[in-house]
Amino acid sequence: MFLGEYSHSLDEKGRVVMPSKFRAGLEDGCVVTKGQERCLYVFPMDQWGAEAERVLKLPRTDRRARNYSRSFFASASNQSLDRTGRCQIPEPLRIYAGLAKDITVVGVADRVEIWDTRTWETVAAEADDYYAAIEEVLSEDGI
């Protein structure tokens, strides 16, 4: 399980050092793809299959589902950590997420998210406000 928030930097070759606590979960490889709110999702290989199946179950007759599926799979990139724990982020994904130098790596249980630090600060503040104010029960049926 991936937990926590870590400040890192993207190197000149587009690599990020994954937090040491995350490396064991990514040692068999990972898939990096576009996430919502202009972050990147990093799925360990064992979780990628489950996520891919979830997306494949979306109705192909729905244009939104087709567009989601196209973006999700077309941008996906198989990666592995090098011996120092770095993960290569392909240039199109760096552009999508607005990654330049300062990035934040976030553990979100079944996946890792990579954010431009300024974007993360804005999104995290909004999420914290929402979290603090929530009064109803959340369920898979709707939030």
C-alpha atoms as a PDB file:
ATOM      1  CA  MET A   1       0.000   0.000   0.000  1.00  0.00           C
ATOM      2  CA  PHE A   2       1.314   3.413  -0.985  1.00  0.00           C
ATOM      3  CA  LEU A   3       0.916   6.124   1.653  1.00  0.00           C
ATOM      4  CA  GLY A   4       2.314   9.593   2.241  1.00  0.00           C
ATOM      5  CA  GLU A   5       3.464  12.711   0.441  1.00  0.00           C
ATOM      6  CA  TYR A   6       7.061  13.308  -0.638  1.00  0.00           C
ATOM      7  CA  SER A   7       8.849  16.262  -2.243  1.00  0.00           C
ATOM      8  CA  HIS A   8      11.232  15.343  -5.051  1.00  0.00           C
ATOM      9  CA  SER A   9      12.821  16.778  -8.159  1.00  0.00           C
ATOM     10  CA  LEU A  10      12.699  15.699 -11.753  1.00  0.00           C
ATOM     11  CA  ASP A  11      16.216  15.309 -13.129  1.00  0.00           C
ATOM     12  CA  GLU A  12      17.394  16.644 -16.501  1.00  0.00           C
ATOM     13  CA  LYS A  13      16.614  13.282 -18.151  1.00  0.00           C
ATOM     14  CA  GLY A  14      13.001  13.218 -16.917  1.00  0.00           C
ATOM     15  CA  ARG A  15      13.516  10.742 -14.078  1.00  0.00           C
ATOM     16  CA  VAL A  16      12.130  10.864 -10.567  1.00  0.00           C
ATOM     17  CA  VAL A  17      13.513   9.022  -7.569  1.00  0.00           C
ATOM     18  CA  MET A  18      10.667   7.086  -6.024  1.00  0.00           C
ATOM     19  CA  PRO A  19      10.394   7.280  -2.239  1.00  0.00           C
ATOM     20  CA  SER A  20      12.207   4.363  -0.629  1.00  0.00           C
ATOM     21  CA  LYS A  21       8.943   3.221   0.987  1.00  0.00           C
ATOM     22  CA  PHE A  22       7.395   2.781  -2.482  1.00  0.00           C
ATOM     23  CA  ARG A  23      10.207   0.876  -4.178  1.00  0.00           C
ATOM     24  CA  ALA A  24       9.319  -2.613  -2.986  1.00  0.00           C
ATOM     25  CA  GLY A  25       5.810  -2.208  -4.435  1.00  0.00           C
ATOM     26  CA  LEU A  26       7.262  -1.132  -7.784  1.00  0.00           C
ATOM     27  CA  GLU A  27      10.176  -3.558  -8.038  1.00  0.00           C
ATOM     28  CA  ASP A  28       8.358  -5.780 -10.563  1.00  0.00           C
ATOM     29  CA  GLY A  29       7.788  -2.773 -12.815  1.00  0.00           C
ATOM     30  CA  CYS A  30       5.013  -0.258 -13.189  1.00  0.00           C
ATOM     31  CA  VAL A  31       2.834   1.535 -15.683  1.00  0.00           C
ATOM     32  CA  VAL A  32       2.792   5.334 -15.790  1.00  0.00           C
ATOM     33  CA  THR A  33      -0.223   6.996 -17.400  1.00  0.00           C
ATOM     34  CA  LYS A  34      -2.330  10.150 -17.340  1.00  0.00           C
ATOM     35  CA  GLY A  35      -4.388  10.776 -14.234  1.00  0.00           C
ATOM     36  CA  GLN A  36      -7.133  13.225 -13.429  1.00  0.00           C
ATOM     37  CA  GLU A  37      -6.436  16.883 -12.576  1.00  0.00           C
ATOM     38  CA  ARG A  38      -3.244  16.702 -14.660  1.00  0.00           C
ATOM     39  CA  CYS A  39      -1.294  14.334 -12.438  1.00  0.00           C
ATOM     40  CA  LEU A  40       0.295  11.042 -13.448  1.00  0.00           C
ATOM     41  CA  TYR A  41      -0.772   7.672 -12.112  1.00  0.00           C
ATOM     42  CA  VAL A  42       1.853   5.028 -11.415  1.00  0.00           C
ATOM     43  CA  PHE A  43       0.385   1.551 -11.046  1.00  0.00           C
ATOM     44  CA  PRO A  44       2.444  -1.417  -9.883  1.00  0.00           C
ATOM     45  CA  MET A  45       2.147  -4.257 -12.392  1.00  0.00           C
ATOM     46  CA  ASP A  46      -0.156  -6.330 -10.172  1.00  0.00           C
ATOM     47  CA  GLN A  47      -2.561  -3.398  -9.813  1.00  0.00           C
ATOM     48  CA  TRP A  48      -2.341  -2.335 -13.465  1.00  0.00           C
ATOM     49  CA  GLY A  49      -4.211  -5.448 -14.606  1.00  0.00           C
ATOM     50  CA  ALA A  50      -7.114  -4.716 -12.274  1.00  0.00           C
ATOM     51  CA  GLU A  51      -7.246  -1.072 -13.331  1.00  0.00           C
ATOM     52  CA  ALA A  52      -7.102  -1.981 -17.026  1.00  0.00           C
ATOM     53  CA  GLU A  53      -9.996  -4.424 -16.531  1.00  0.00           C
ATOM     54  CA  ARG A  54     -12.029  -1.702 -14.827  1.00  0.00           C
ATOM     55  CA  VAL A  55     -11.507   0.665 -17.757  1.00  0.00           C
ATOM     56  CA  LEU A  56     -12.228  -2.083 -20.295  1.00  0.00           C
ATOM     57  CA  LYS A  57     -15.643  -2.623 -18.677  1.00  0.00           C
ATOM     58  CA  LEU A  58     -16.743   0.918 -19.540  1.00  0.00           C
ATOM     59  CA  PRO A  59     -19.385   0.946 -22.299  1.00  0.00           C
ATOM     60  CA  ARG A  60     -17.871   1.451 -25.747  1.00  0.00           C
ATOM     61  CA  THR A  61     -21.115   3.026 -26.872  1.00  0.00           C
ATOM     62  CA  ASP A  62     -20.470   5.982 -24.554  1.00  0.00           C
ATOM     63  CA  ARG A  63     -18.264   8.662 -26.132  1.00  0.00           C
ATOM     64  CA  ARG A  64     -16.942   9.782 -22.731  1.00  0.00           C
ATOM     65  CA  ALA A  65     -15.889   6.214 -21.943  1.00  0.00           C
ATOM     66  CA  ARG A  66     -14.180   5.841 -25.330  1.00  0.00           C
ATOM     67  CA  ASN A  67     -12.293   9.091 -24.868  1.00  0.00           C
ATOM     68  CA  TYR A  68     -11.296   8.141 -21.339  1.00  0.00           C
ATOM     69  CA  SER A  69     -10.086   4.736 -22.489  1.00  0.00           C
ATOM     70  CA  ARG A  70      -8.122   6.202 -25.403  1.00  0.00           C
ATOM     71  CA  SER A  71      -6.345   8.744 -23.255  1.00  0.00           C
ATOM     72  CA  PHE A  72      -5.694   6.286 -20.446  1.00  0.00           C
ATOM     73  CA  PHE A  73      -4.224   3.501 -22.592  1.00  0.00           C
ATOM     74  CA  ALA A  74      -2.564   5.542 -25.355  1.00  0.00           C
ATOM     75  CA  SER A  75      -0.497   7.457 -22.820  1.00  0.00           C
ATOM     76  CA  ALA A  76       0.440   4.406 -20.730  1.00  0.00           C
ATOM     77  CA  SER A  77       4.114   3.520 -20.535  1.00  0.00           C
ATOM     78  CA  ASN A  78       5.705   0.409 -19.030  1.00  0.00           C
ATOM     79  CA  GLN A  79       8.572   1.418 -16.765  1.00  0.00           C
ATOM     80  CA  SER A  80      10.913  -0.121 -14.263  1.00  0.00           C
ATOM     81  CA  LEU A  81      12.957   1.428 -11.504  1.00  0.00           C
ATOM     82  CA  ASP A  82      16.695   1.592 -12.054  1.00  0.00           C
ATOM     83  CA  ARG A  83      19.133   0.465  -9.352  1.00  0.00           C
ATOM     84  CA  THR A  84      18.897   3.854  -7.623  1.00  0.00           C
ATOM     85  CA  GLY A  85      15.080   3.793  -7.518  1.00  0.00           C
ATOM     86  CA  ARG A  86      14.506   6.226 -10.391  1.00  0.00           C
ATOM     87  CA  CYS A  87      11.538   5.964 -12.730  1.00  0.00           C
ATOM     88  CA  GLN A  88      11.649   7.458 -16.225  1.00  0.00           C
ATOM     89  CA  ILE A  89       8.736   9.754 -17.056  1.00  0.00           C
ATOM     90  CA  PRO A  90       8.232   9.968 -20.840  1.00  0.00           C
ATOM     91  CA  GLU A  91       8.183  13.494 -22.249  1.00  0.00           C
ATOM     92  CA  PRO A  92       4.509  13.475 -23.377  1.00  0.00           C
ATOM     93  CA  LEU A  93       3.481  12.573 -19.815  1.00  0.00           C
ATOM     94  CA  ARG A  94       5.734  15.276 -18.352  1.00  0.00           C
ATOM     95  CA  ILE A  95       4.073  17.803 -20.661  1.00  0.00           C
ATOM     96  CA  TYR A  96       0.555  16.597 -19.768  1.00  0.00           C
ATOM     97  CA  ALA A  97       1.254  16.953 -16.025  1.00  0.00           C
ATOM     98  CA  GLY A  98       3.242  20.184 -16.348  1.00  0.00           C
ATOM     99  CA  LEU A  99       6.280  18.617 -14.696  1.00  0.00           C
ATOM    100  CA  ALA A 100       9.426  20.712 -14.773  1.00  0.00           C
ATOM    101  CA  LYS A 101      11.573  20.529 -11.648  1.00  0.00           C
ATOM    102  CA  ASP A 102       9.742  20.448  -8.309  1.00  0.00           C
ATOM    103  CA  ILE A 103       7.366  17.541  -8.033  1.00  0.00           C
ATOM    104  CA  THR A 104       5.372  15.851  -5.300  1.00  0.00           C
ATOM    105  CA  VAL A 105       4.986  12.085  -5.150  1.00  0.00           C
ATOM    106  CA  VAL A 106       1.844  10.953  -3.345  1.00  0.00           C
ATOM    107  CA  GLY A 107       0.797   7.499  -2.197  1.00  0.00           C
ATOM    108  CA  VAL A 108      -2.898   6.848  -2.804  1.00  0.00           C
ATOM    109  CA  ALA A 109      -3.282   3.272  -1.519  1.00  0.00           C
ATOM    110  CA  ASP A 110      -3.248   1.240  -4.759  1.00  0.00           C
ATOM    111  CA  ARG A 111      -1.284   3.712  -6.874  1.00  0.00           C
ATOM    112  CA  VAL A 112       1.285   6.488  -6.770  1.00  0.00           C
ATOM    113  CA  GLU A 113       0.499   9.933  -8.128  1.00  0.00           C
ATOM    114  CA  ILE A 114       3.117  12.350  -9.460  1.00  0.00           C
ATOM    115  CA  TRP A 115       2.253  16.042  -9.381  1.00  0.00           C
ATOM    116  CA  ASP A 116       3.794  19.360 -10.235  1.00  0.00           C
ATOM    117  CA  THR A 117       4.283  20.718  -6.712  1.00  0.00           C
ATOM    118  CA  ARG A 118       2.304  23.945  -7.227  1.00  0.00           C
ATOM    119  CA  THR A 119      -0.594  22.050  -8.779  1.00  0.00           C
ATOM    120  CA  TRP A 120      -0.503  19.535  -5.914  1.00  0.00           C
ATOM    121  CA  GLU A 121      -0.660  22.312  -3.317  1.00  0.00           C
ATOM    122  CA  THR A 122      -3.831  23.697  -4.922  1.00  0.00           C
ATOM    123  CA  VAL A 123      -5.489  20.289  -5.375  1.00  0.00           C
ATOM    124  CA  ALA A 124      -4.523  19.133  -1.869  1.00  0.00           C
ATOM    125  CA  ALA A 125      -5.955  22.286  -0.287  1.00  0.00           C
ATOM    126  CA  GLU A 126      -9.248  21.751  -2.141  1.00  0.00           C
ATOM    127  CA  ALA A 127      -9.318  18.085  -1.145  1.00  0.00           C
ATOM    128  CA  ASP A 128      -8.610  18.956   2.498  1.00  0.00           C
ATOM    129  CA  ASP A 129     -11.451  21.506   2.533  1.00  0.00           C
ATOM    130  CA  TYR A 130     -13.805  18.926   1.036  1.00  0.00           C
ATOM    131  CA  TYR A 131     -12.647  16.240   3.467  1.00  0.00           C
ATOM    132  CA  ALA A 132     -13.020  18.482   6.508  1.00  0.00           C
ATOM    133  CA  ALA A 133     -16.542  19.557   5.555  1.00  0.00           C
ATOM    134  CA  ILE A 134     -18.004  16.217   4.514  1.00  0.00           C
ATOM    135  CA  GLU A 135     -20.992  15.159   6.546  1.00  0.00           C
ATOM    136  CA  GLU A 136     -22.617  12.374   4.565  1.00  0.00           C
ATOM    137  CA  VAL A 137     -21.510   8.810   4.065  1.00  0.00           C
ATOM    138  CA  LEU A 138     -19.531   8.161   0.910  1.00  0.00           C
ATOM    139  CA  SER A 139     -20.176   5.047  -1.136  1.00  0.00           C
ATOM    140  CA  GLU A 140     -19.221   3.613  -4.494  1.00  0.00           C
ATOM    141  CA  ASP A 141     -22.693   4.588  -5.738  1.00  0.00           C
ATOM    142  CA  GLY A 142     -21.835   8.268  -5.672  1.00  0.00           C
ATOM    143  CA  ILE A 143     -20.195  10.973  -3.684  1.00  0.00           C
END
